[in-house]
Amino acid sequence: MNIVDRAKAPTPKFFRILRTVGLTMLAISGSVLAAPIALPTALVAVAGYLAVAGGVISAVSQVTLPKEPDDDGTDS
């Protein structure tokens, strides 16, 4: 299965929630970074880290697939 098929496949509920959290982190950090006023350097640095973390969380959550049962029908 290639990456495009994985991105189009259904995402498990937990990872949909995690993806939403990641996108929210991206939105908040983008707002802080684009603020038209001067902000403390530490706040801008934290916003940069939040943007990276939010992007990674969202990307990984999007390509996660549901667990498939084994050959014997169990989810071990």
N, C-alpha and C. Protein backbone atom coordinates (compact mmCIF):
# COMPACT_ATOMS: atom_id res chain seq x y z
N MET A 1 0.86 -1.17 0.00
CA MET A 1 0.00 0.00 0.00
C MET A 1 0.90 1.24 0.00
N ASN A 2 0.64 2.15 -0.92
CA ASN A 2 1.47 3.36 -0.98
C ASN A 2 0.90 4.45 -0.07
N ILE A 3 1.60 5.55 0.02
CA ILE A 3 1.25 6.62 0.97
C ILE A 3 -0.08 7.29 0.60
N VAL A 4 -0.40 7.37 -0.68
CA VAL A 4 -1.66 7.99 -1.10
C VAL A 4 -2.84 7.13 -0.66
N ASP A 5 -2.71 5.82 -0.82
CA ASP A 5 -3.78 4.92 -0.37
C ASP A 5 -3.95 4.99 1.14
N ARG A 6 -2.84 5.09 1.86
CA ARG A 6 -2.92 5.20 3.33
C ARG A 6 -3.61 6.48 3.75
N ALA A 7 -3.32 7.58 3.06
CA ALA A 7 -3.92 8.87 3.42
C ALA A 7 -5.42 8.88 3.12
N LYS A 8 -5.84 8.13 2.11
CA LYS A 8 -7.26 8.09 1.74
C LYS A 8 -8.05 7.06 2.56
N ALA A 9 -7.37 6.14 3.22
CA ALA A 9 -8.04 5.09 3.99
C ALA A 9 -8.69 5.68 5.24
N PRO A 10 -9.69 5.02 5.80
CA PRO A 10 -10.33 5.52 7.02
C PRO A 10 -9.35 5.56 8.20
N THR A 11 -9.48 6.60 8.99
CA THR A 11 -8.60 6.79 10.15
C THR A 11 -9.35 6.37 11.41
N PRO A 12 -8.69 5.64 12.32
CA PRO A 12 -9.35 5.27 13.58
C PRO A 12 -9.74 6.50 14.40
N LYS A 13 -10.77 6.34 15.25
CA LYS A 13 -11.32 7.47 16.00
C LYS A 13 -10.27 8.18 16.85
N PHE A 14 -9.44 7.44 17.58
CA PHE A 14 -8.42 8.06 18.43
C PHE A 14 -7.50 8.96 17.62
N PHE A 15 -7.11 8.49 16.43
CA PHE A 15 -6.19 9.28 15.61
C PHE A 15 -6.89 10.44 14.92
N ARG A 16 -8.19 10.36 14.71
CA ARG A 16 -8.93 11.54 14.22
C ARG A 16 -8.91 12.63 15.27
N ILE A 17 -9.10 12.26 16.55
CA ILE A 17 -9.05 13.23 17.64
C ILE A 17 -7.64 13.82 17.74
N LEU A 18 -6.63 12.95 17.67
CA LEU A 18 -5.25 13.41 17.74
C LEU A 18 -4.90 14.33 16.58
N ARG A 19 -5.42 14.03 15.39
CA ARG A 19 -5.19 14.89 14.23
C ARG A 19 -5.79 16.28 14.45
N THR A 20 -6.99 16.32 15.05
CA THR A 20 -7.64 17.60 15.34
C THR A 20 -6.83 18.40 16.36
N VAL A 21 -6.29 17.72 17.35
CA VAL A 21 -5.43 18.40 18.34
C VAL A 21 -4.20 18.98 17.65
N GLY A 22 -3.59 18.21 16.76
CA GLY A 22 -2.42 18.69 16.03
C GLY A 22 -2.73 19.90 15.16
N LEU A 23 -3.88 19.86 14.48
CA LEU A 23 -4.26 21.00 13.65
C LEU A 23 -4.57 22.24 14.50
N THR A 24 -5.13 22.02 15.69
CA THR A 24 -5.38 23.14 16.60
C THR A 24 -4.06 23.75 17.07
N MET A 25 -3.09 22.89 17.38
CA MET A 25 -1.76 23.40 17.77
C MET A 25 -1.15 24.22 16.64
N LEU A 26 -1.32 23.75 15.42
CA LEU A 26 -0.80 24.50 14.26
C LEU A 26 -1.48 25.87 14.14
N ALA A 27 -2.79 25.90 14.32
CA ALA A 27 -3.53 27.16 14.19
C ALA A 27 -3.12 28.16 15.27
N ILE A 28 -2.99 27.68 16.49
CA ILE A 28 -2.61 28.58 17.59
C ILE A 28 -1.20 29.11 17.38
N SER A 29 -0.29 28.22 17.02
CA SER A 29 1.09 28.67 16.82
C SER A 29 1.20 29.62 15.62
N GLY A 30 0.43 29.35 14.59
CA GLY A 30 0.43 30.26 13.44
C GLY A 30 -0.08 31.64 13.79
N SER A 31 -1.08 31.70 14.66
CA SER A 31 -1.60 32.99 15.10
C SER A 31 -0.57 33.76 15.92
N VAL A 32 0.14 33.05 16.77
CA VAL A 32 1.17 33.71 17.59
C VAL A 32 2.31 34.19 16.71
N LEU A 33 2.73 33.35 15.76
CA LEU A 33 3.85 33.73 14.89
C LEU A 33 3.49 34.89 13.96
N ALA A 34 2.24 35.00 13.58
CA ALA A 34 1.82 36.05 12.65
C ALA A 34 1.27 37.29 13.36
N ALA A 35 1.39 37.34 14.67
CA ALA A 35 0.85 38.48 15.42
C ALA A 35 1.54 39.76 14.99
N PRO A 36 0.77 40.84 14.81
CA PRO A 36 1.35 42.10 14.35
C PRO A 36 2.05 42.89 15.46
N ILE A 37 2.09 42.36 16.67
CA ILE A 37 2.77 43.06 17.77
C ILE A 37 4.02 42.30 18.16
N ALA A 38 4.92 42.98 18.83
CA ALA A 38 6.15 42.34 19.29
C ALA A 38 5.84 41.46 20.50
N LEU A 39 6.23 40.20 20.41
CA LEU A 39 6.01 39.25 21.49
C LEU A 39 7.36 38.82 22.06
N PRO A 40 7.36 38.34 23.29
CA PRO A 40 8.62 37.86 23.87
C PRO A 40 9.25 36.74 23.03
N THR A 41 10.55 36.72 23.02
CA THR A 41 11.28 35.74 22.21
C THR A 41 10.93 34.32 22.62
N ALA A 42 10.77 34.08 23.91
CA ALA A 42 10.45 32.72 24.38
C ALA A 42 9.10 32.27 23.85
N LEU A 43 8.13 33.16 23.80
CA LEU A 43 6.80 32.81 23.29
C LEU A 43 6.86 32.47 21.81
N VAL A 44 7.63 33.21 21.06
CA VAL A 44 7.77 32.95 19.62
C VAL A 44 8.49 31.63 19.40
N ALA A 45 9.48 31.32 20.22
CA ALA A 45 10.20 30.05 20.10
C ALA A 45 9.28 28.88 20.41
N VAL A 46 8.49 29.00 21.47
CA VAL A 46 7.53 27.94 21.82
C VAL A 46 6.50 27.76 20.71
N ALA A 47 6.06 28.84 20.11
CA ALA A 47 5.09 28.75 19.01
C ALA A 47 5.71 28.01 17.82
N GLY A 48 6.97 28.22 17.57
CA GLY A 48 7.64 27.49 16.49
C GLY A 48 7.68 26.00 16.76
N TYR A 49 8.00 25.64 17.99
CA TYR A 49 8.02 24.22 18.36
C TYR A 49 6.62 23.61 18.30
N LEU A 50 5.61 24.37 18.71
CA LEU A 50 4.23 23.89 18.62
C LEU A 50 3.82 23.64 17.17
N ALA A 51 4.28 24.51 16.28
CA ALA A 51 3.95 24.34 14.86
C ALA A 51 4.54 23.04 14.32
N VAL A 52 5.79 22.78 14.67
CA VAL A 52 6.43 21.54 14.20
C VAL A 52 5.73 20.32 14.80
N ALA A 53 5.48 20.36 16.10
CA ALA A 53 4.83 19.22 16.77
C ALA A 53 3.42 18.99 16.21
N GLY A 54 2.67 20.06 16.01
CA GLY A 54 1.33 19.93 15.46
C GLY A 54 1.33 19.35 14.05
N GLY A 55 2.29 19.76 13.24
CA GLY A 55 2.39 19.22 11.88
C GLY A 55 2.73 17.75 11.88
N VAL A 56 3.66 17.35 12.73
CA VAL A 56 4.04 15.94 12.81
C VAL A 56 2.88 15.09 13.32
N ILE A 57 2.22 15.54 14.39
CA ILE A 57 1.10 14.80 14.95
C ILE A 57 -0.01 14.64 13.91
N SER A 58 -0.32 15.70 13.19
CA SER A 58 -1.38 15.63 12.18
C SER A 58 -1.01 14.70 11.03
N ALA A 59 0.22 14.77 10.57
CA ALA A 59 0.65 13.94 9.45
C ALA A 59 0.66 12.46 9.82
N VAL A 60 1.20 12.14 10.97
CA VAL A 60 1.26 10.74 11.40
C VAL A 60 -0.15 10.20 11.65
N SER A 61 -1.01 11.02 12.26
CA SER A 61 -2.37 10.58 12.54
C SER A 61 -3.16 10.32 11.26
N GLN A 62 -2.89 11.09 10.22
CA GLN A 62 -3.63 10.94 8.97
C GLN A 62 -3.32 9.62 8.28
N VAL A 63 -2.11 9.13 8.37
CA VAL A 63 -1.73 7.92 7.63
C VAL A 63 -1.80 6.65 8.49
N THR A 64 -2.40 6.73 9.67
CA THR A 64 -2.56 5.56 10.52
C THR A 64 -3.77 4.76 10.07
N LEU A 65 -3.61 3.45 10.02
CA LEU A 65 -4.68 2.56 9.59
C LEU A 65 -5.25 1.81 10.78
N PRO A 66 -6.52 1.40 10.69
CA PRO A 66 -7.08 0.57 11.77
C PRO A 66 -6.39 -0.79 11.81
N LYS A 67 -6.37 -1.38 12.99
CA LYS A 67 -5.73 -2.68 13.17
C LYS A 67 -6.56 -3.76 12.49
N GLU A 68 -5.90 -4.59 11.70
CA GLU A 68 -6.58 -5.67 11.00
C GLU A 68 -6.49 -6.94 11.83
N PRO A 69 -7.54 -7.76 11.82
CA PRO A 69 -7.47 -9.02 12.58
C PRO A 69 -6.45 -9.98 11.97
N ASP A 70 -5.88 -10.85 12.84
CA ASP A 70 -4.94 -11.88 12.37
C ASP A 70 -5.68 -12.91 11.52
N ASP A 71 -4.94 -13.87 11.02
CA ASP A 71 -5.53 -14.93 10.20
C ASP A 71 -6.58 -15.74 10.95
N ASP A 72 -6.41 -15.87 12.28
CA ASP A 72 -7.35 -16.67 13.05
C ASP A 72 -8.55 -15.84 13.53
N GLY A 73 -8.63 -14.58 13.12
CA GLY A 73 -9.77 -13.74 13.47
C GLY A 73 -9.64 -12.95 14.75
N THR A 74 -8.48 -13.00 15.40
CA THR A 74 -8.28 -12.25 16.65
C THR A 74 -7.48 -11.00 16.37
N ASP A 75 -7.53 -10.06 17.30
CA ASP A 75 -6.79 -8.79 17.18
C ASP A 75 -5.54 -8.79 18.05
N SER A 76 -4.80 -9.86 18.10
CA SER A 76 -3.64 -9.93 19.00
C SER A 76 -2.49 -9.14 18.54
